[in-house]
N, C-alpha and C. Protein backbone atom coordinates (compact mmCIF):
# COMPACT_ATOMS: atom_id res chain seq x y z
N MET A 1 0.99 12.10 7.70
CA MET A 1 0.23 11.74 6.38
C MET A 1 1.47 11.59 5.33
N HIS A 2 1.45 10.72 4.40
CA HIS A 2 2.29 10.90 3.31
C HIS A 2 2.02 10.76 1.94
N THR A 3 1.55 11.62 1.11
CA THR A 3 1.38 11.46 -0.22
C THR A 3 2.40 10.88 -1.14
N ILE A 4 2.51 10.38 -2.22
CA ILE A 4 3.02 9.41 -3.26
C ILE A 4 2.25 9.53 -4.58
N LYS A 5 2.97 10.22 -5.50
CA LYS A 5 2.60 10.44 -7.17
C LYS A 5 2.95 8.89 -7.83
N LEU A 6 2.16 8.74 -8.18
CA LEU A 6 2.23 7.38 -9.03
C LEU A 6 3.58 7.47 -10.40
N ASN A 7 3.98 6.78 -10.61
CA ASN A 7 4.77 6.65 -11.80
C ASN A 7 3.72 6.44 -13.13
N THR A 8 2.89 5.18 -12.69
CA THR A 8 1.77 4.51 -13.38
C THR A 8 0.39 4.45 -12.66
N PRO A 9 -0.34 5.71 -13.22
CA PRO A 9 -1.47 5.70 -12.75
C PRO A 9 -2.42 4.01 -12.52
N ILE A 10 -3.37 3.76 -11.43
CA ILE A 10 -4.15 2.57 -11.54
C ILE A 10 -5.49 3.19 -11.40
N THR A 11 -6.49 1.90 -11.84
CA THR A 11 -7.75 2.17 -12.00
C THR A 11 -8.59 1.23 -11.39
N ASP A 12 -9.45 1.75 -10.43
CA ASP A 12 -9.94 0.54 -9.60
C ASP A 12 -11.64 0.84 -9.09
N ALA A 13 -12.71 0.32 -9.50
CA ALA A 13 -13.78 0.69 -9.66
C ALA A 13 -14.30 2.26 -10.49
N GLY A 14 -13.74 2.41 -11.26
CA GLY A 14 -14.15 3.34 -12.00
C GLY A 14 -13.23 4.80 -11.87
N LYS A 15 -12.59 4.26 -10.48
CA LYS A 15 -11.48 5.37 -10.38
C LYS A 15 -10.44 5.41 -10.46
N THR A 16 -9.54 6.73 -11.14
CA THR A 16 -8.01 6.24 -11.24
C THR A 16 -7.64 6.97 -10.02
N TYR A 17 -6.47 6.60 -10.25
CA TYR A 17 -5.36 7.04 -9.08
C TYR A 17 -4.08 7.75 -9.27
N THR A 18 -3.86 8.82 -9.12
CA THR A 18 -2.36 9.51 -10.09
C THR A 18 -1.54 9.19 -8.36
N GLU A 19 -2.06 9.33 -7.60
CA GLU A 19 -1.25 9.49 -5.96
C GLU A 19 -2.20 8.56 -4.88
N LEU A 20 -1.53 8.71 -4.11
CA LEU A 20 -1.83 7.54 -3.04
C LEU A 20 -1.24 8.31 -1.72
N THR A 21 -2.22 8.46 -0.97
CA THR A 21 -1.88 9.33 0.66
C THR A 21 -1.84 8.38 1.43
N PHE A 22 -1.09 7.76 2.36
CA PHE A 22 -0.87 6.92 3.56
C PHE A 22 -0.71 8.04 4.71
N ARG A 23 -1.41 7.08 5.82
CA ARG A 23 -1.95 7.26 6.79
C ARG A 23 -0.53 6.40 7.94
N GLU A 24 -1.06 6.68 8.94
CA GLU A 24 0.33 5.26 9.62
C GLU A 24 -0.19 4.42 9.81
N ALA A 25 0.46 3.40 9.83
CA ALA A 25 -0.34 1.77 10.08
C ALA A 25 -0.83 1.74 11.13
N LYS A 26 -2.28 1.30 11.33
CA LYS A 26 -2.84 1.09 13.17
C LYS A 26 -2.75 -0.76 12.82
N VAL A 27 -3.08 -1.56 14.27
CA VAL A 27 -3.12 -2.37 14.38
C VAL A 27 -4.04 -3.33 13.47
N GLY A 28 -5.26 -2.65 13.47
CA GLY A 28 -6.71 -2.94 12.56
C GLY A 28 -5.79 -3.24 10.99
N ASP A 29 -5.13 -2.38 10.52
CA ASP A 29 -4.69 -2.73 9.08
C ASP A 29 -4.05 -4.24 9.24
N LEU A 30 -3.07 -4.40 10.25
CA LEU A 30 -2.62 -5.91 10.56
C LEU A 30 -3.52 -7.36 10.47
N VAL A 31 -4.67 -7.21 11.25
CA VAL A 31 -5.72 -7.75 11.08
C VAL A 31 -6.69 -7.89 10.10
N LEU A 32 -6.63 -6.62 9.38
CA LEU A 32 -7.20 -7.20 8.12
C LEU A 32 -6.49 -7.86 7.05
N ALA A 33 -5.02 -7.74 7.34
CA ALA A 33 -3.66 -8.30 6.27
C ALA A 33 -4.16 -10.01 6.95
N ASP A 34 -4.77 -10.17 8.03
CA ASP A 34 -4.25 -11.91 8.32
C ASP A 34 -5.49 -12.45 7.65
N ALA A 35 -6.61 -11.86 6.56
CA ALA A 35 -7.55 -12.38 5.91
C ALA A 35 -7.24 -12.66 4.45
N VAL A 36 -5.87 -12.33 4.49
CA VAL A 36 -5.71 -12.84 2.69
C VAL A 36 -3.95 -13.93 3.36
N GLN A 37 -3.79 -14.39 2.15
CA GLN A 37 -2.82 -15.67 2.07
C GLN A 37 -1.39 -15.02 1.44
N GLY A 38 -0.31 -14.99 1.46
CA GLY A 38 0.73 -14.58 1.00
C GLY A 38 1.37 -13.28 1.59
N GLU A 39 2.64 -13.49 2.00
CA GLU A 39 3.57 -12.28 2.39
C GLU A 39 2.90 -10.93 1.74
N VAL A 40 3.43 -10.96 0.07
CA VAL A 40 2.93 -9.85 -1.09
C VAL A 40 1.53 -9.10 -0.81
N ALA A 41 0.53 -10.31 -0.75
CA ALA A 41 -1.02 -9.62 -0.51
C ALA A 41 -0.97 -9.42 1.05
N LYS A 42 -0.46 -9.75 1.77
CA LYS A 42 -0.53 -9.09 3.26
C LYS A 42 0.00 -7.92 3.16
N MET A 43 1.13 -7.63 2.34
CA MET A 43 1.64 -6.21 2.54
C MET A 43 0.64 -5.18 1.76
N LEU A 44 0.24 -5.95 0.34
CA LEU A 44 -0.83 -4.44 -0.16
C LEU A 44 -1.94 -4.57 0.48
N ALA A 45 -2.54 -5.32 1.42
CA ALA A 45 -3.86 -5.09 2.39
C ALA A 45 -3.51 -4.19 3.17
N ILE A 46 -2.33 -4.32 3.73
CA ILE A 46 -1.87 -3.40 5.15
C ILE A 46 -2.05 -1.82 4.07
N LEU A 47 -0.99 -2.21 3.15
CA LEU A 47 -1.28 -0.58 2.05
C LEU A 47 -2.57 0.13 1.70
N ALA A 48 -3.21 -0.69 1.41
CA ALA A 48 -4.82 -0.48 1.08
C ALA A 48 -5.49 0.12 2.41
N GLY A 49 -5.26 -0.39 3.31
CA GLY A 49 -5.96 0.20 4.80
C GLY A 49 -5.28 1.68 5.13
N MET A 50 -3.96 1.80 4.93
CA MET A 50 -3.41 2.70 5.33
C MET A 50 -3.76 3.57 3.98
N SER A 51 -3.73 3.54 2.88
CA SER A 51 -4.19 4.58 1.73
C SER A 51 -5.95 4.97 1.42
N GLY A 52 -6.57 4.13 2.40
CA GLY A 52 -7.92 3.88 2.20
C GLY A 52 -8.58 3.54 0.93
N THR A 53 -7.96 2.96 0.40
CA THR A 53 -7.98 1.99 -1.16
C THR A 53 -8.26 0.98 -0.89
N THR A 54 -8.57 -0.11 -2.34
CA THR A 54 -9.18 -1.55 -1.82
C THR A 54 -7.90 -2.32 -2.44
N LEU A 55 -7.96 -3.65 -1.56
CA LEU A 55 -6.93 -4.35 -2.36
C LEU A 55 -6.64 -4.71 -3.80
N ASN A 56 -7.59 -4.74 -4.65
CA ASN A 56 -7.76 -4.66 -5.97
C ASN A 56 -7.13 -3.48 -6.46
N ALA A 57 -7.54 -2.69 -6.03
CA ALA A 57 -6.45 -1.15 -6.07
C ALA A 57 -4.81 -1.39 -6.42
N MET A 58 -4.71 -1.44 -5.11
CA MET A 58 -3.09 -2.05 -5.08
C MET A 58 -2.67 -3.16 -5.63
N ARG A 59 -3.70 -3.94 -5.92
CA ARG A 59 -2.79 -5.50 -7.27
C ARG A 59 -2.77 -4.81 -8.33
N GLU A 60 -3.18 -3.18 -8.28
CA GLU A 60 -2.88 -2.72 -10.37
C GLU A 60 -1.54 -1.84 -10.06
N LEU A 61 -0.72 -1.43 -9.19
CA LEU A 61 0.68 -0.90 -8.91
C LEU A 61 1.90 -1.52 -9.88
N SER A 62 2.51 -1.03 -10.45
CA SER A 62 3.42 -1.21 -11.18
C SER A 62 4.53 -2.05 -10.06
N MET A 63 5.48 -3.01 -10.20
CA MET A 63 6.18 -2.99 -9.13
C MET A 63 7.43 -2.08 -8.92
N ALA A 64 7.64 -0.71 -10.08
CA ALA A 64 8.02 0.20 -9.42
C ALA A 64 7.39 1.20 -8.45
N ASP A 65 6.50 1.15 -8.74
CA ASP A 65 5.55 1.99 -7.51
C ASP A 65 5.44 1.47 -6.48
N PHE A 66 4.87 0.20 -6.23
CA PHE A 66 5.15 -0.97 -5.14
C PHE A 66 6.61 -1.00 -4.11
N LYS A 67 7.12 -1.03 -4.95
CA LYS A 67 8.99 -1.07 -4.23
C LYS A 67 8.69 0.65 -3.43
N ARG A 68 8.63 1.76 -4.62
CA ARG A 68 8.84 2.81 -3.77
C ARG A 68 7.94 3.15 -2.75
N ILE A 69 6.71 2.43 -2.73
CA ILE A 69 5.79 2.95 -1.75
C ILE A 69 5.99 2.27 -0.47
N SER A 70 6.98 1.05 -0.67
CA SER A 70 7.30 0.19 0.35
C SER A 70 8.25 0.65 1.12
N ALA A 71 9.54 1.64 0.60
CA ALA A 71 10.01 2.24 1.34
C ALA A 71 9.50 3.63 1.86
N GLU A 72 9.15 4.19 1.21
CA GLU A 72 8.82 5.18 1.52
C GLU A 72 7.72 5.63 2.68
N VAL A 73 7.09 4.52 2.89
CA VAL A 73 6.03 4.65 3.86
C VAL A 73 6.06 3.52 4.80
N ALA A 74 7.60 2.95 5.24
CA ALA A 74 8.02 1.82 5.76
C ALA A 74 7.78 2.76 7.35
N HIS A 75 8.26 4.35 7.11
CA HIS A 75 8.35 4.65 8.33
C HIS A 75 6.77 4.79 9.26
N LEU A 76 5.94 4.53 8.77
CA LEU A 76 5.04 4.68 8.99
C LEU A 76 4.04 3.35 9.49
N MET A 77 5.07 2.23 9.12
CA MET A 77 4.78 0.99 9.49
C MET A 77 5.62 0.72 11.11
N GLY A 78 6.41 1.59 11.59
CA GLY A 78 7.22 1.41 12.52
C GLY A 78 8.59 0.85 12.19
N GLU A 79 8.73 0.94 10.60
CA GLU A 79 10.04 0.21 10.38
C GLU A 79 11.08 1.42 10.02
N SER A 80 12.26 1.22 10.09
CA SER A 80 13.24 2.26 9.58
C SER A 80 13.17 2.30 8.15
N GLU A 81 13.54 0.36 7.75
CA GLU A 81 13.07 0.56 6.33
C GLU A 81 12.36 -0.50 5.91
N ALA A 82 12.33 -0.53 4.19
CA ALA A 82 11.12 -1.24 4.14
C ALA A 82 12.04 -2.84 3.85
N THR A 83 10.81 -3.84 4.12
CA THR A 83 10.96 -4.94 4.44
C THR A 83 10.83 -5.88 2.96
N VAL A 84 10.36 -5.53 1.88
CA VAL A 84 9.84 -6.05 1.09
C VAL A 84 10.93 -6.02 0.08
N SER A 85 11.23 -7.34 -0.76
CA SER A 85 12.28 -7.50 -1.54
C SER A 85 11.57 -7.55 -2.99
C-alpha cells in the first residue's frame, strides 16, 4: 500500500479526497481499463481500481498530482518507473 497526499484535493459524489491510498495492481484492474478508450483513460481506470475510487474521481486529479501518482505507484504496477508522459 502506498498513500499519496494530493496537492489539490478532488471531490466525487460528495466526498472530498485529500489523499489516496493505492494497493498493488491486479489483472482485474487491467480488465476494467479495457472498458474505456484512450491510453490516459485506461491509466485513470487502473489507478481508480488501485485506490478504490471511481474513474470520475480520477478525472478530477490535477496534472501535477496525476504525474506524481503515476511515478510513485509505478512499482505497484510491476514497472520500475512510470510510462505516462
